[in-house]
């Protein structure tokens, strides 16, 4: 069985982008996973409550200046009393604790490197699309042949999904915690290609085995 051609166009760009967030630092991941949804809920609650009264009244209730007068304002009051201080205090405590713990810690991959603001602010790249390996280097072609043709019977979609899961979970391990976002993604993909190829040559995929009922 020959290796089938990859799909004409890469699929799942947003999915790859979402899974690539695991290359980010813990606080940044938390903001994406929980901070943005929490802010969206607060915004919706604020907008709904503001339709029944003035925006200033909602603000004063949310910040516990005034007592609530109806159900939505009661919810806003509870959120302002419990959630907002907990989130702000938790984030501040995490940032302070992380800075204290890492004041003398440095990853060996970061030694002697100069990092400008461009490198600090640039988001990580997306997890690689396996179709790009079809005409890649010899090592990439050998990996995609084993991983797609042998382990997944030429099912490019399943292979791509399991490849992304491998990279996502690899980046979440402790050994990659100290790497910056770009080095984390690069090393995770290099390590995964090395470790996933031998079992793929005999028709095994680590994700398929883990998900097997």
Protein backbone atom coordinates (compact mmCIF):
# COMPACT_ATOMS: atom_id res chain seq x y z
CA UNK A 1 0.00 0.00 0.00
CA UNK A 2 1.52 3.30 -1.12
CA UNK A 3 1.23 6.51 0.84
CA UNK A 4 -1.81 8.39 -0.40
CA UNK A 5 -1.53 12.03 -1.38
CA UNK A 6 -2.51 14.49 1.37
CA UNK A 7 -5.73 16.51 1.04
CA UNK A 8 -5.51 19.38 -1.43
CA UNK A 9 -5.97 22.00 1.30
CA UNK A 10 -4.92 21.86 4.94
CA UNK A 11 -7.91 21.41 7.24
CA UNK A 12 -8.46 22.25 10.85
CA UNK A 13 -6.42 25.46 11.01
CA UNK A 14 -8.39 26.74 14.00
CA UNK A 15 -8.11 23.39 15.75
CA UNK A 16 -4.33 23.39 15.28
CA UNK A 17 -4.17 26.96 16.54
CA UNK A 18 -6.26 26.08 19.61
CA UNK A 19 -4.12 23.07 20.47
CA UNK A 20 -0.92 25.05 19.93
CA UNK A 21 -1.84 27.23 22.93
CA UNK A 22 -0.19 24.58 25.13
CA UNK A 23 3.14 26.08 24.12
CA UNK A 24 2.24 29.22 26.07
CA UNK A 25 3.05 29.87 29.72
CA UNK A 26 0.64 28.76 32.42
CA UNK A 27 -0.89 32.17 33.09
CA UNK A 28 -1.35 32.89 29.39
CA UNK A 29 -3.01 29.50 28.94
CA UNK A 30 -5.32 30.24 31.86
CA UNK A 31 -6.32 33.58 30.40
CA UNK A 32 -7.23 31.89 27.10
CA UNK A 33 -8.97 28.88 28.65
CA UNK A 34 -10.81 30.59 31.51
CA UNK A 35 -10.12 34.32 31.59
CA UNK A 36 -11.68 35.13 28.22
CA UNK A 37 -14.84 33.00 28.81
CA UNK A 38 -15.19 34.51 32.30
CA UNK A 39 -14.89 38.02 30.88
CA UNK A 40 -17.48 37.15 28.22
CA UNK A 41 -19.92 35.95 30.89
CA UNK A 42 -19.39 39.14 32.92
CA UNK A 43 -19.94 41.25 29.81
CA UNK A 44 -23.19 39.45 28.92
CA UNK A 45 -24.40 39.71 32.52
CA UNK A 46 -23.52 43.41 32.61
CA UNK A 47 -25.35 44.02 29.33
CA UNK A 48 -28.48 42.15 30.42
CA UNK A 49 -28.56 43.87 33.80
CA UNK A 50 -27.99 47.27 32.18
CA UNK A 51 -31.17 46.79 30.12
CA UNK A 52 -33.22 46.74 33.32
CA UNK A 53 -31.48 49.68 34.95
CA UNK A 54 -28.69 52.14 34.24
CA UNK A 55 -25.11 50.94 33.48
CA UNK A 56 -23.86 52.97 36.42
CA UNK A 57 -26.24 51.11 38.74
CA UNK A 58 -24.90 47.77 37.51
CA UNK A 59 -21.35 48.96 38.03
CA UNK A 60 -22.11 50.13 41.55
CA UNK A 61 -23.74 46.79 42.36
CA UNK A 62 -20.93 44.77 40.78
CA UNK A 63 -18.37 46.67 42.82
CA UNK A 64 -20.50 46.25 45.99
CA UNK A 65 -21.15 49.96 46.44
CA UNK A 66 -24.93 49.61 46.28
CA UNK A 67 -27.27 46.81 47.34
CA UNK A 68 -28.90 44.78 44.53
CA UNK A 69 -32.53 45.41 43.67
CA UNK A 70 -33.54 42.50 41.40
CA UNK A 71 -32.36 39.05 40.24
CA UNK A 72 -29.76 40.10 37.67
CA UNK A 73 -28.27 42.62 40.04
CA UNK A 74 -28.18 39.95 42.75
CA UNK A 75 -26.19 37.73 40.38
CA UNK A 76 -23.89 40.64 39.56
CA UNK A 77 -23.45 41.30 43.26
CA UNK A 78 -22.51 37.67 43.96
CA UNK A 79 -20.05 37.67 41.04
CA UNK A 80 -18.51 40.89 42.30
CA UNK A 81 -18.31 39.53 45.83
CA UNK A 82 -16.89 36.09 45.06
CA UNK A 83 -15.52 35.67 41.55
CA UNK A 84 -13.81 38.97 40.76
CA UNK A 85 -11.64 39.21 43.93
CA UNK A 86 -10.82 35.49 43.68
CA UNK A 87 -9.67 35.81 40.07
CA UNK A 88 -7.68 39.00 40.62
CA UNK A 89 -6.10 37.67 43.81
CA UNK A 90 -5.35 34.29 42.25
CA UNK A 91 -3.70 35.81 39.18
CA UNK A 92 -1.66 38.24 41.27
CA UNK A 93 -0.57 35.44 43.62
CA UNK A 94 0.38 33.21 40.71
CA UNK A 95 2.44 35.93 39.02
CA UNK A 96 4.28 36.81 42.23
CA UNK A 97 4.93 33.17 43.17
CA UNK A 98 6.13 32.33 39.66
CA UNK A 99 8.50 35.27 39.56
CA UNK A 100 9.93 34.39 42.97
CA UNK A 101 10.45 30.74 42.04
CA UNK A 102 11.98 31.48 38.64
CA UNK A 103 14.21 34.39 39.65
CA UNK A 104 17.28 32.11 39.46
CA UNK A 105 15.88 29.48 37.10
CA UNK A 106 16.78 29.44 33.42
CA UNK A 107 16.27 26.83 30.77
CA UNK A 108 19.46 25.60 29.11
CA UNK A 109 17.86 26.39 25.75
CA UNK A 110 17.71 30.07 26.73
CA UNK A 111 21.36 30.45 27.72
CA UNK A 112 23.21 33.36 26.11
CA UNK A 113 20.30 34.26 23.88
CA UNK A 114 19.17 37.81 23.27
CA UNK A 115 15.40 38.09 23.23
CA UNK A 116 13.92 41.35 22.00
CA UNK A 117 10.34 42.47 22.45
CA UNK A 118 9.47 41.03 19.05
CA UNK A 119 10.45 37.53 20.18
CA UNK A 120 8.71 37.99 23.53
CA UNK A 121 5.40 39.13 22.05
CA UNK A 122 5.31 36.96 18.93
CA UNK A 123 2.73 34.18 19.37
CA UNK A 124 3.76 30.56 18.76
CA UNK A 125 3.34 28.97 15.39
CA UNK A 126 0.65 26.39 14.77
CA UNK A 127 1.31 22.67 15.07
CA UNK A 128 2.64 21.40 11.75
CA UNK A 129 0.27 20.16 9.07
CA UNK A 130 1.34 16.61 8.19
CA UNK A 131 0.58 17.19 4.53
CA UNK A 132 3.56 19.56 4.39
CA UNK A 133 5.83 16.64 5.32
CA UNK A 134 4.84 14.76 2.16
CA UNK A 135 7.41 16.80 0.18
CA UNK A 136 9.56 17.73 3.19
CA UNK A 137 12.95 16.48 4.30
CA UNK A 138 13.81 12.79 4.16
CA UNK A 139 13.20 12.44 7.91
CA UNK A 140 9.78 14.12 7.58
CA UNK A 141 8.82 11.91 4.64
CA UNK A 142 9.85 8.76 6.53
CA UNK A 143 7.86 9.84 9.57
CA UNK A 144 4.69 10.70 7.65
CA UNK A 145 4.95 7.45 5.69
CA UNK A 146 5.05 5.42 8.92
CA UNK A 147 2.54 7.53 10.85
CA UNK A 148 -0.04 8.01 8.09
CA UNK A 149 0.33 5.00 5.78
CA UNK A 150 1.21 2.27 8.28
CA UNK A 151 -0.26 3.38 11.61
CA UNK A 152 -3.42 5.04 10.24
CA UNK A 153 -3.98 3.18 6.95
CA UNK A 154 -3.72 6.36 4.87
CA UNK A 155 -6.38 8.15 6.92
CA UNK A 156 -4.88 11.63 6.81
CA UNK A 157 -7.60 13.24 8.91
CA UNK A 158 -7.23 10.77 11.78
CA UNK A 159 -3.45 10.93 11.56
CA UNK A 160 -3.50 14.73 11.70
CA UNK A 161 -5.84 14.69 14.68
CA UNK A 162 -3.71 12.20 16.61
CA UNK A 163 -0.51 14.07 15.68
CA UNK A 164 -1.95 17.26 17.15
CA UNK A 165 -3.03 15.42 20.32
CA UNK A 166 0.49 14.02 20.73
CA UNK A 167 2.05 17.47 20.37
CA UNK A 168 -0.51 19.12 22.66
CA UNK A 169 0.01 16.59 25.45
CA UNK A 170 3.79 16.56 25.01
CA UNK A 171 3.93 20.33 25.45
CA UNK A 172 1.91 19.97 28.66
CA UNK A 173 4.56 17.80 30.37
CA UNK A 174 6.90 19.12 33.04
CA UNK A 175 10.06 18.84 30.95
CA UNK A 176 8.77 21.53 28.57
CA UNK A 177 7.52 23.89 31.28
CA UNK A 178 10.64 26.11 31.30
CA UNK A 179 10.90 26.49 27.53
CA UNK A 180 9.68 29.60 25.77
CA UNK A 181 6.67 29.29 23.48
CA UNK A 182 8.65 28.89 20.26
CA UNK A 183 11.23 26.44 21.60
CA UNK A 184 8.49 24.46 23.33
CA UNK A 185 6.59 23.81 20.11
CA UNK A 186 9.73 23.08 18.10
CA UNK A 187 11.18 20.62 20.58
CA UNK A 188 7.82 18.94 21.19
CA UNK A 189 7.45 18.23 17.47
CA UNK A 190 11.05 17.01 17.15
CA UNK A 191 10.71 14.70 20.15
CA UNK A 192 7.33 13.38 19.00
CA UNK A 193 8.62 12.54 15.53
CA UNK A 194 11.46 10.56 17.09
CA UNK A 195 9.35 8.67 19.62
CA UNK A 196 6.21 8.12 17.52
CA UNK A 197 7.93 6.67 14.44
CA UNK A 198 9.14 3.28 15.87
CA UNK A 199 5.67 2.16 17.05
CA UNK A 200 4.14 3.58 13.85
CA UNK A 201 6.39 1.33 11.78
CA UNK A 202 4.64 -1.71 13.28
CA UNK A 203 1.19 -0.15 12.90
CA UNK A 204 0.78 1.37 16.36
CA UNK A 205 -0.25 4.90 17.29
CA UNK A 206 0.04 5.99 20.92
CA UNK A 207 -3.24 7.91 20.73
CA UNK A 208 -5.07 4.98 19.10
CA UNK A 209 -3.82 2.66 21.85
CA UNK A 210 -4.78 5.08 24.63
CA UNK A 211 -8.28 5.61 23.19
CA UNK A 212 -8.93 1.96 22.44
CA UNK A 213 -11.96 0.80 24.50
